[in-house]
Structure formats: C-alpha cells, structure tokens
C-alpha cells in the first residue's frame, strides 16, 4: 500500500523538522517546504494527498497559498495550522477553503487523527454510492471529483464542503443532522466546530445561488434542510 503523500508548509525549522519526522513515523511521506511560494512549486511538480500549512510564513502566507490553489480548482484536503487564537481567524480560513484548522501548539496524535479523517477511504458499498453524480436544482455534483457543474461550467468544492453538500442532497428528506455530521466529519460537536459547519453551509448557499429555487434552511439546534421549490 502506498503511503499518503503530505505537503507540509512551515517556516520554523525546529518545528518543521520534528513534525516531519514524527509524521513519517506515523506512516506518511512528508514533503516539507518553508513557505507558500515553495509550496506552489511543489504542487506543480508532484501530486499530494493532503496539505498542512502554517498561516504566518514569508513570501506567501498560508491564507494566500490556500486561496490561490482553490482558485485553480484544486480540491485537495487542506489543514491550516496557526498560533492565532481568534475565532475570526479560524472562520476566515474555512471561508476560503480550508477543511480543518488546528491551533499551535498541536498534539501530534490529534493531528494524525484529523489527517486520517480527511483521508479516510469509504467502504466498498459507499464507494459505489458516492461515485454517482447527483442533481441539485440546475447543478450536477460529482462527489468523486468534487466538481459542481452548471451550463458547462464547473467549480471545485473542498472535500469537506463536497461531503456536506452530498449529505444534504442524498439524506432522507434532504436533512443534514447537525450533531451526527459534526461527529463524523470533525470528530467533535463542540461550539467551535459547530461554527465551522455554519461557515460551510453559508458558502454552499452562495455557491448554489444561481438557482433561486434552492435554499438551505437552519432547523434550530437540530440541523439543516435542503429545499428546492
């Protein structure tokens, strides 16, 4: 079995070396670079399964790096790492396409668990189901490629955004249960993760806004429902 390939962006040499070594011992192949500019060069020349990126870096910071690869349509799973503790910083990361966010200093076991959750391979039964393209109003969504298409044009969703949309559109009554979704995708249903889910829902509303018949409504403390009039 091939080892998962991780691109790791960190300008602190001590932290970069230690984290690279420990993740390698956990069974990952890690490419460590010092800034976002080197990161762009790396993904142009190599395929990775996941990206870990610090926010505060020289030349090209983590936010800008993330925004640039998402604008190019790259849906690779992405975890932001930062010592910033303000909720606004975290939510900004999610709003531009991050799949997860970890505050420094981070626990390696928790980081490994989050990486594995984003890389988790579905069972054989779910693979067969998830490969089916689904229709959401005027859109078609391919959960294998994370592509949302309309009138010959397509946008790439992040893996977590795509999973949220897929669950909304395929669950019974188009209902997405809040607690179950947080536990399965984030591993915890705490307040912070709940706010993160709200950001993903808000982004999906904007992404689907060309079809005025589509709405995603909040069901207080319970979940969300996708409605197509």
C-alpha atoms as a PDB file:
ATOM      1  CA  UNK A   1       0.000   0.000   0.000  1.00  0.00           C
ATOM      2  CA  UNK A   2       1.351   3.439  -0.949  1.00  0.00           C
ATOM      3  CA  UNK A   3       1.952   5.851   1.885  1.00  0.00           C
ATOM      4  CA  UNK A   4      -0.197   9.011   1.891  1.00  0.00           C
ATOM      5  CA  UNK A   5       1.756  11.951   0.459  1.00  0.00           C
ATOM      6  CA  UNK A   6       1.634  15.113   2.578  1.00  0.00           C
ATOM      7  CA  UNK A   7       2.862  18.577   1.629  1.00  0.00           C
ATOM      8  CA  UNK A   8       3.850  20.432   4.809  1.00  0.00           C
ATOM      9  CA  UNK A   9       4.475  24.197   4.844  1.00  0.00           C
ATOM     10  CA  UNK A  10       6.282  25.519   7.934  1.00  0.00           C
ATOM     11  CA  UNK A  11       8.964  28.212   8.217  1.00  0.00           C
ATOM     12  CA  UNK A  12      10.043  27.293  11.761  1.00  0.00           C
ATOM     13  CA  UNK A  13      12.988  24.901  11.175  1.00  0.00           C
ATOM     14  CA  UNK A  14      12.759  23.178  14.555  1.00  0.00           C
ATOM     15  CA  UNK A  15       9.005  22.571  14.404  1.00  0.00           C
ATOM     16  CA  UNK A  16       9.211  21.607  10.745  1.00  0.00           C
ATOM     17  CA  UNK A  17      11.898  19.008  11.339  1.00  0.00           C
ATOM     18  CA  UNK A  18      10.226  17.490  14.397  1.00  0.00           C
ATOM     19  CA  UNK A  19       6.757  17.332  12.841  1.00  0.00           C
ATOM     20  CA  UNK A  20       8.096  15.871   9.591  1.00  0.00           C
ATOM     21  CA  UNK A  21       9.964  13.170  11.487  1.00  0.00           C
ATOM     22  CA  UNK A  22       7.007  12.258  13.695  1.00  0.00           C
ATOM     23  CA  UNK A  23       4.520  12.149  10.815  1.00  0.00           C
ATOM     24  CA  UNK A  24       6.931   9.971   8.867  1.00  0.00           C
ATOM     25  CA  UNK A  25       6.951   7.546  11.780  1.00  0.00           C
ATOM     26  CA  UNK A  26       3.139   7.532  11.629  1.00  0.00           C
ATOM     27  CA  UNK A  27       3.280   6.164   8.097  1.00  0.00           C
ATOM     28  CA  UNK A  28       3.100   9.312   5.954  1.00  0.00           C
ATOM     29  CA  UNK A  29       5.518  10.509   3.288  1.00  0.00           C
ATOM     30  CA  UNK A  30       6.117  14.195   4.030  1.00  0.00           C
ATOM     31  CA  UNK A  31       7.461  16.900   1.732  1.00  0.00           C
ATOM     32  CA  UNK A  32       8.433  19.849   3.957  1.00  0.00           C
ATOM     33  CA  UNK A  33       8.864  23.318   2.447  1.00  0.00           C
ATOM     34  CA  UNK A  34       9.492  26.681   4.114  1.00  0.00           C
ATOM     35  CA  UNK A  35       6.880  28.974   2.577  1.00  0.00           C
ATOM     36  CA  UNK A  36       3.895  29.272   0.274  1.00  0.00           C
ATOM     37  CA  UNK A  37       5.971  30.062  -2.807  1.00  0.00           C
ATOM     38  CA  UNK A  38       7.857  26.786  -2.420  1.00  0.00           C
ATOM     39  CA  UNK A  39       4.528  25.108  -1.779  1.00  0.00           C
ATOM     40  CA  UNK A  40       3.115  26.271  -5.119  1.00  0.00           C
ATOM     41  CA  UNK A  41       6.207  24.952  -6.857  1.00  0.00           C
ATOM     42  CA  UNK A  42       5.866  21.609  -5.064  1.00  0.00           C
ATOM     43  CA  UNK A  43       2.227  21.018  -6.041  1.00  0.00           C
ATOM     44  CA  UNK A  44       3.018  21.996  -9.632  1.00  0.00           C
ATOM     45  CA  UNK A  45       5.541  19.159  -9.829  1.00  0.00           C
ATOM     46  CA  UNK A  46       4.110  16.466  -7.585  1.00  0.00           C
ATOM     47  CA  UNK A  47       0.743  15.006  -6.544  1.00  0.00           C
ATOM     48  CA  UNK A  48      -0.106  15.056  -2.849  1.00  0.00           C
ATOM     49  CA  UNK A  49      -2.967  13.592  -0.845  1.00  0.00           C
ATOM     50  CA  UNK A  50      -3.182  16.375   1.748  1.00  0.00           C
ATOM     51  CA  UNK A  51      -1.649  19.753   2.637  1.00  0.00           C
ATOM     52  CA  UNK A  52      -0.685  21.068   6.076  1.00  0.00           C
ATOM     53  CA  UNK A  53       0.162  24.767   6.071  1.00  0.00           C
ATOM     54  CA  UNK A  54       1.121  27.326   8.679  1.00  0.00           C
ATOM     55  CA  UNK A  55      -0.552  30.715   8.228  1.00  0.00           C
ATOM     56  CA  UNK A  56       2.337  33.050   9.095  1.00  0.00           C
ATOM     57  CA  UNK A  57       5.071  32.410   6.514  1.00  0.00           C
ATOM     58  CA  UNK A  58       7.418  34.615   4.463  1.00  0.00           C
ATOM     59  CA  UNK A  59       6.928  35.309   0.723  1.00  0.00           C
ATOM     60  CA  UNK A  60       3.444  33.781   0.616  1.00  0.00           C
ATOM     61  CA  UNK A  61       1.343  33.225   3.738  1.00  0.00           C
ATOM     62  CA  UNK A  62      -0.910  30.246   4.334  1.00  0.00           C
ATOM     63  CA  UNK A  63      -4.156  32.102   3.624  1.00  0.00           C
ATOM     64  CA  UNK A  64      -2.911  33.347   0.249  1.00  0.00           C
ATOM     65  CA  UNK A  65      -1.453  29.962  -0.627  1.00  0.00           C
ATOM     66  CA  UNK A  66      -4.773  28.264   0.158  1.00  0.00           C
ATOM     67  CA  UNK A  67      -6.779  30.847  -1.775  1.00  0.00           C
ATOM     68  CA  UNK A  68      -4.569  30.500  -4.847  1.00  0.00           C
ATOM     69  CA  UNK A  69      -4.809  26.722  -5.070  1.00  0.00           C
ATOM     70  CA  UNK A  70      -8.586  26.792  -4.531  1.00  0.00           C
ATOM     71  CA  UNK A  71      -8.952  29.415  -7.278  1.00  0.00           C
ATOM     72  CA  UNK A  72      -7.125  26.997  -9.572  1.00  0.00           C
ATOM     73  CA  UNK A  73      -9.743  24.372  -8.796  1.00  0.00           C
ATOM     74  CA  UNK A  74      -7.556  22.124  -6.647  1.00  0.00           C
ATOM     75  CA  UNK A  75      -9.824  20.321  -4.106  1.00  0.00           C
ATOM     76  CA  UNK A  76      -7.012  18.658  -2.114  1.00  0.00           C
ATOM     77  CA  UNK A  77      -7.760  18.221   1.622  1.00  0.00           C
ATOM     78  CA  UNK A  78      -6.207  21.166   3.467  1.00  0.00           C
ATOM     79  CA  UNK A  79      -5.438  21.739   7.166  1.00  0.00           C
ATOM     80  CA  UNK A  80      -4.357  25.187   8.355  1.00  0.00           C
ATOM     81  CA  UNK A  81      -2.003  25.405  11.338  1.00  0.00           C
ATOM     82  CA  UNK A  82      -1.620  28.582  13.377  1.00  0.00           C
ATOM     83  CA  UNK A  83      -0.877  30.117  16.753  1.00  0.00           C
ATOM     84  CA  UNK A  84      -3.687  32.598  16.081  1.00  0.00           C
ATOM     85  CA  UNK A  85      -6.497  32.034  18.543  1.00  0.00           C
ATOM     86  CA  UNK A  86      -9.204  34.447  17.393  1.00  0.00           C
ATOM     87  CA  UNK A  87     -12.340  32.748  16.123  1.00  0.00           C
ATOM     88  CA  UNK A  88     -12.407  35.242  13.236  1.00  0.00           C
ATOM     89  CA  UNK A  89      -9.050  33.929  12.001  1.00  0.00           C
ATOM     90  CA  UNK A  90     -10.287  30.362  12.105  1.00  0.00           C
ATOM     91  CA  UNK A  91     -13.552  31.113  10.332  1.00  0.00           C
ATOM     92  CA  UNK A  92     -11.696  33.098   7.670  1.00  0.00           C
ATOM     93  CA  UNK A  93      -9.627  30.003   6.949  1.00  0.00           C
ATOM     94  CA  UNK A  94     -12.763  27.940   6.441  1.00  0.00           C
ATOM     95  CA  UNK A  95     -14.360  30.652   4.312  1.00  0.00           C
ATOM     96  CA  UNK A  96     -11.529  30.499   1.751  1.00  0.00           C
ATOM     97  CA  UNK A  97     -11.479  26.729   1.513  1.00  0.00           C
ATOM     98  CA  UNK A  98      -9.734  25.071   4.468  1.00  0.00           C
ATOM     99  CA  UNK A  99     -11.088  21.668   5.507  1.00  0.00           C
ATOM    100  CA  UNK A 100      -9.729  21.860   9.043  1.00  0.00           C
ATOM    101  CA  UNK A 101      -7.814  24.191  11.359  1.00  0.00           C
ATOM    102  CA  UNK A 102      -5.506  23.361  14.261  1.00  0.00           C
ATOM    103  CA  UNK A 103      -4.120  25.806  16.755  1.00  0.00           C
ATOM    104  CA  UNK A 104      -0.452  25.645  17.715  1.00  0.00           C
ATOM    105  CA  UNK A 105       0.979  24.070  19.720  1.00  0.00           C
ATOM    106  CA  UNK A 106      -0.855  20.997  18.459  1.00  0.00           C
ATOM    107  CA  UNK A 107      -0.928  17.450  19.732  1.00  0.00           C
ATOM    108  CA  UNK A 108       0.549  15.028  17.190  1.00  0.00           C
ATOM    109  CA  UNK A 109      -1.977  12.305  17.944  1.00  0.00           C
ATOM    110  CA  UNK A 110      -4.841  14.721  17.321  1.00  0.00           C
ATOM    111  CA  UNK A 111      -3.200  15.980  14.125  1.00  0.00           C
ATOM    112  CA  UNK A 112      -2.774  12.400  12.919  1.00  0.00           C
ATOM    113  CA  UNK A 113      -6.420  11.649  13.678  1.00  0.00           C
ATOM    114  CA  UNK A 114      -7.571  14.692  11.712  1.00  0.00           C
ATOM    115  CA  UNK A 115      -5.350  13.792   8.768  1.00  0.00           C
ATOM    116  CA  UNK A 116      -6.707  10.250   8.740  1.00  0.00           C
ATOM    117  CA  UNK A 117     -10.287  11.524   8.945  1.00  0.00           C
ATOM    118  CA  UNK A 118      -9.787  13.673   5.844  1.00  0.00           C
ATOM    119  CA  UNK A 119      -8.019  10.839   4.033  1.00  0.00           C
ATOM    120  CA  UNK A 120     -10.439   8.165   5.172  1.00  0.00           C
ATOM    121  CA  UNK A 121     -11.351   5.780   2.387  1.00  0.00           C
ATOM    122  CA  UNK A 122     -15.054   4.910   2.212  1.00  0.00           C
ATOM    123  CA  UNK A 123     -16.163   1.312   2.333  1.00  0.00           C
ATOM    124  CA  UNK A 124     -16.789  -0.649  -0.847  1.00  0.00           C
ATOM    125  CA  UNK A 125     -20.542  -0.096  -0.504  1.00  0.00           C
ATOM    126  CA  UNK A 126     -20.232   3.661  -0.022  1.00  0.00           C
ATOM    127  CA  UNK A 127     -17.762   3.918  -2.913  1.00  0.00           C
ATOM    128  CA  UNK A 128     -20.405   2.534  -5.236  1.00  0.00           C
ATOM    129  CA  UNK A 129     -22.941   5.053  -3.918  1.00  0.00           C
ATOM    130  CA  UNK A 130     -20.641   8.057  -3.774  1.00  0.00           C
ATOM    131  CA  UNK A 131     -19.479   7.688  -7.370  1.00  0.00           C
ATOM    132  CA  UNK A 132     -22.945   8.539  -8.637  1.00  0.00           C
ATOM    133  CA  UNK A 133     -23.407  12.065  -9.927  1.00  0.00           C
ATOM    134  CA  UNK A 134     -26.316  13.779  -8.192  1.00  0.00           C
ATOM    135  CA  UNK A 135     -28.581  16.616  -9.341  1.00  0.00           C
ATOM    136  CA  UNK A 136     -29.209  19.648  -7.135  1.00  0.00           C
ATOM    137  CA  UNK A 137     -31.574  22.011  -8.932  1.00  0.00           C
ATOM    138  CA  UNK A 138     -29.795  23.254 -12.070  1.00  0.00           C
ATOM    139  CA  UNK A 139     -26.491  21.803 -10.830  1.00  0.00           C
ATOM    140  CA  UNK A 140     -24.823  18.428 -11.128  1.00  0.00           C
ATOM    141  CA  UNK A 141     -22.383  17.359  -8.451  1.00  0.00           C
ATOM    142  CA  UNK A 142     -19.725  14.685  -8.926  1.00  0.00           C
ATOM    143  CA  UNK A 143     -18.625  13.504  -5.462  1.00  0.00           C
ATOM    144  CA  UNK A 144     -15.658  11.645  -6.892  1.00  0.00           C
ATOM    145  CA  UNK A 145     -14.042  14.755  -8.374  1.00  0.00           C
ATOM    146  CA  UNK A 146     -15.745  17.323  -6.079  1.00  0.00           C
ATOM    147  CA  UNK A 147     -16.929  19.169  -9.209  1.00  0.00           C
ATOM    148  CA  UNK A 148     -20.180  21.144  -9.160  1.00  0.00           C
ATOM    149  CA  UNK A 149     -21.316  21.868 -12.724  1.00  0.00           C
ATOM    150  CA  UNK A 150     -23.865  24.153 -14.334  1.00  0.00           C
ATOM    151  CA  UNK A 151     -24.254  25.152 -18.011  1.00  0.00           C
ATOM    152  CA  UNK A 152     -20.938  23.639 -18.977  1.00  0.00           C
ATOM    153  CA  UNK A 153     -19.007  25.428 -16.246  1.00  0.00           C
ATOM    154  CA  UNK A 154     -17.776  23.823 -13.051  1.00  0.00           C
ATOM    155  CA  UNK A 155     -16.285  24.767  -9.704  1.00  0.00           C
ATOM    156  CA  UNK A 156     -14.279  22.563  -7.364  1.00  0.00           C
ATOM    157  CA  UNK A 157     -15.513  22.151  -3.813  1.00  0.00           C
ATOM    158  CA  UNK A 158     -13.211  21.226  -0.975  1.00  0.00           C
ATOM    159  CA  UNK A 159     -13.636  17.615   0.217  1.00  0.00           C
ATOM    160  CA  UNK A 160     -15.485  18.697   3.346  1.00  0.00           C
ATOM    161  CA  UNK A 161     -17.760  21.153   1.505  1.00  0.00           C
ATOM    162  CA  UNK A 162     -18.474  18.433  -1.020  1.00  0.00           C
ATOM    163  CA  UNK A 163     -19.330  15.923   1.676  1.00  0.00           C
ATOM    164  CA  UNK A 164     -21.701  18.383   3.361  1.00  0.00           C
ATOM    165  CA  UNK A 165     -23.472  19.052   0.035  1.00  0.00           C
ATOM    166  CA  UNK A 166     -23.648  15.341  -0.774  1.00  0.00           C
ATOM    167  CA  UNK A 167     -25.231  14.547   2.577  1.00  0.00           C
ATOM    168  CA  UNK A 168     -27.710  17.408   2.236  1.00  0.00           C
ATOM    169  CA  UNK A 169     -28.807  16.194  -1.180  1.00  0.00           C
ATOM    170  CA  UNK A 170     -28.948  12.458  -0.500  1.00  0.00           C
ATOM    171  CA  UNK A 171     -30.054  12.094   3.127  1.00  0.00           C
ATOM    172  CA  UNK A 172     -33.695  11.260   3.793  1.00  0.00           C
ATOM    173  CA  UNK A 173     -35.867  14.368   3.332  1.00  0.00           C
ATOM    174  CA  UNK A 174     -32.710  16.286   2.323  1.00  0.00           C
ATOM    175  CA  UNK A 175     -31.980  16.739   6.023  1.00  0.00           C
ATOM    176  CA  UNK A 176     -28.481  17.112   7.453  1.00  0.00           C
ATOM    177  CA  UNK A 177     -28.357  16.304  11.201  1.00  0.00           C
ATOM    178  CA  UNK A 178     -26.016  18.736  12.932  1.00  0.00           C
ATOM    179  CA  UNK A 179     -24.586  16.607  15.737  1.00  0.00           C
ATOM    180  CA  UNK A 180     -24.105  13.477  13.631  1.00  0.00           C
ATOM    181  CA  UNK A 181     -22.361  15.470  10.895  1.00  0.00           C
ATOM    182  CA  UNK A 182     -20.011  17.180  13.345  1.00  0.00           C
ATOM    183  CA  UNK A 183     -19.063  13.902  15.000  1.00  0.00           C
ATOM    184  CA  UNK A 184     -18.466  12.109  11.704  1.00  0.00           C
ATOM    185  CA  UNK A 185     -16.635  14.887   9.837  1.00  0.00           C
ATOM    186  CA  UNK A 186     -15.000  16.899  12.640  1.00  0.00           C
ATOM    187  CA  UNK A 187     -14.802  14.280  15.380  1.00  0.00           C
ATOM    188  CA  UNK A 188     -16.351  16.620  17.972  1.00  0.00           C
ATOM    189  CA  UNK A 189     -19.614  18.573  18.191  1.00  0.00           C
ATOM    190  CA  UNK A 190     -18.217  21.456  20.256  1.00  0.00           C
ATOM    191  CA  UNK A 191     -19.158  25.105  19.703  1.00  0.00           C
ATOM    192  CA  UNK A 192     -16.116  25.918  17.593  1.00  0.00           C
ATOM    193  CA  UNK A 193     -16.696  23.048  15.179  1.00  0.00           C
ATOM    194  CA  UNK A 194     -20.369  23.988  15.013  1.00  0.00           C
ATOM    195  CA  UNK A 195     -19.405  27.485  13.867  1.00  0.00           C
ATOM    196  CA  UNK A 196     -17.155  25.902  11.260  1.00  0.00           C
ATOM    197  CA  UNK A 197     -20.061  23.861   9.893  1.00  0.00           C
ATOM    198  CA  UNK A 198     -22.135  27.061   9.717  1.00  0.00           C
ATOM    199  CA  UNK A 199     -19.422  28.590   7.519  1.00  0.00           C
ATOM    200  CA  UNK A 200     -19.546  25.628   5.131  1.00  0.00           C
ATOM    201  CA  UNK A 201     -23.340  25.921   4.909  1.00  0.00           C
ATOM    202  CA  UNK A 202     -23.087  29.668   4.243  1.00  0.00           C
ATOM    203  CA  UNK A 203     -20.562  29.059   1.445  1.00  0.00           C
ATOM    204  CA  UNK A 204     -22.795  26.421  -0.122  1.00  0.00           C
ATOM    205  CA  UNK A 205     -25.712  28.871  -0.168  1.00  0.00           C
ATOM    206  CA  UNK A 206     -23.577  31.307  -2.166  1.00  0.00           C
ATOM    207  CA  UNK A 207     -22.264  28.576  -4.455  1.00  0.00           C
ATOM    208  CA  UNK A 208     -25.808  27.435  -5.293  1.00  0.00           C
ATOM    209  CA  UNK A 209     -27.247  30.948  -5.552  1.00  0.00           C
ATOM    210  CA  UNK A 210     -27.714  30.916  -9.349  1.00  0.00           C
ATOM    211  CA  UNK A 211     -30.742  28.698  -8.811  1.00  0.00           C
ATOM    212  CA  UNK A 212     -33.255  30.817  -6.889  1.00  0.00           C
ATOM    213  CA  UNK A 213     -35.348  27.733  -6.154  1.00  0.00           C
ATOM    214  CA  UNK A 214     -32.637  26.320  -3.884  1.00  0.00           C
ATOM    215  CA  UNK A 215     -32.488  27.199  -0.214  1.00  0.00           C
ATOM    216  CA  UNK A 216     -30.740  25.681   2.790  1.00  0.00           C
ATOM    217  CA  UNK A 217     -32.637  26.411   5.971  1.00  0.00           C
ATOM    218  CA  UNK A 218     -31.492  26.136   9.571  1.00  0.00           C
ATOM    219  CA  UNK A 219     -33.527  23.929  11.868  1.00  0.00           C
ATOM    220  CA  UNK A 220     -32.562  25.322  15.252  1.00  0.00           C
ATOM    221  CA  UNK A 221     -30.137  23.120  17.208  1.00  0.00           C
ATOM    222  CA  UNK A 222     -31.035  20.155  15.005  1.00  0.00           C
ATOM    223  CA  UNK A 223     -29.577  20.560  11.540  1.00  0.00           C
ATOM    224  CA  UNK A 224     -30.208  21.863   8.044  1.00  0.00           C
ATOM    225  CA  UNK A 225     -32.619  21.063   5.248  1.00  0.00           C
ATOM    226  CA  UNK A 226     -32.087  21.493   1.513  1.00  0.00           C
ATOM    227  CA  UNK A 227     -35.245  22.739  -0.209  1.00  0.00           C
ATOM    228  CA  UNK A 228     -35.808  23.028  -3.973  1.00  0.00           C
ATOM    229  CA  UNK A 229     -39.106  24.718  -4.805  1.00  0.00           C
END
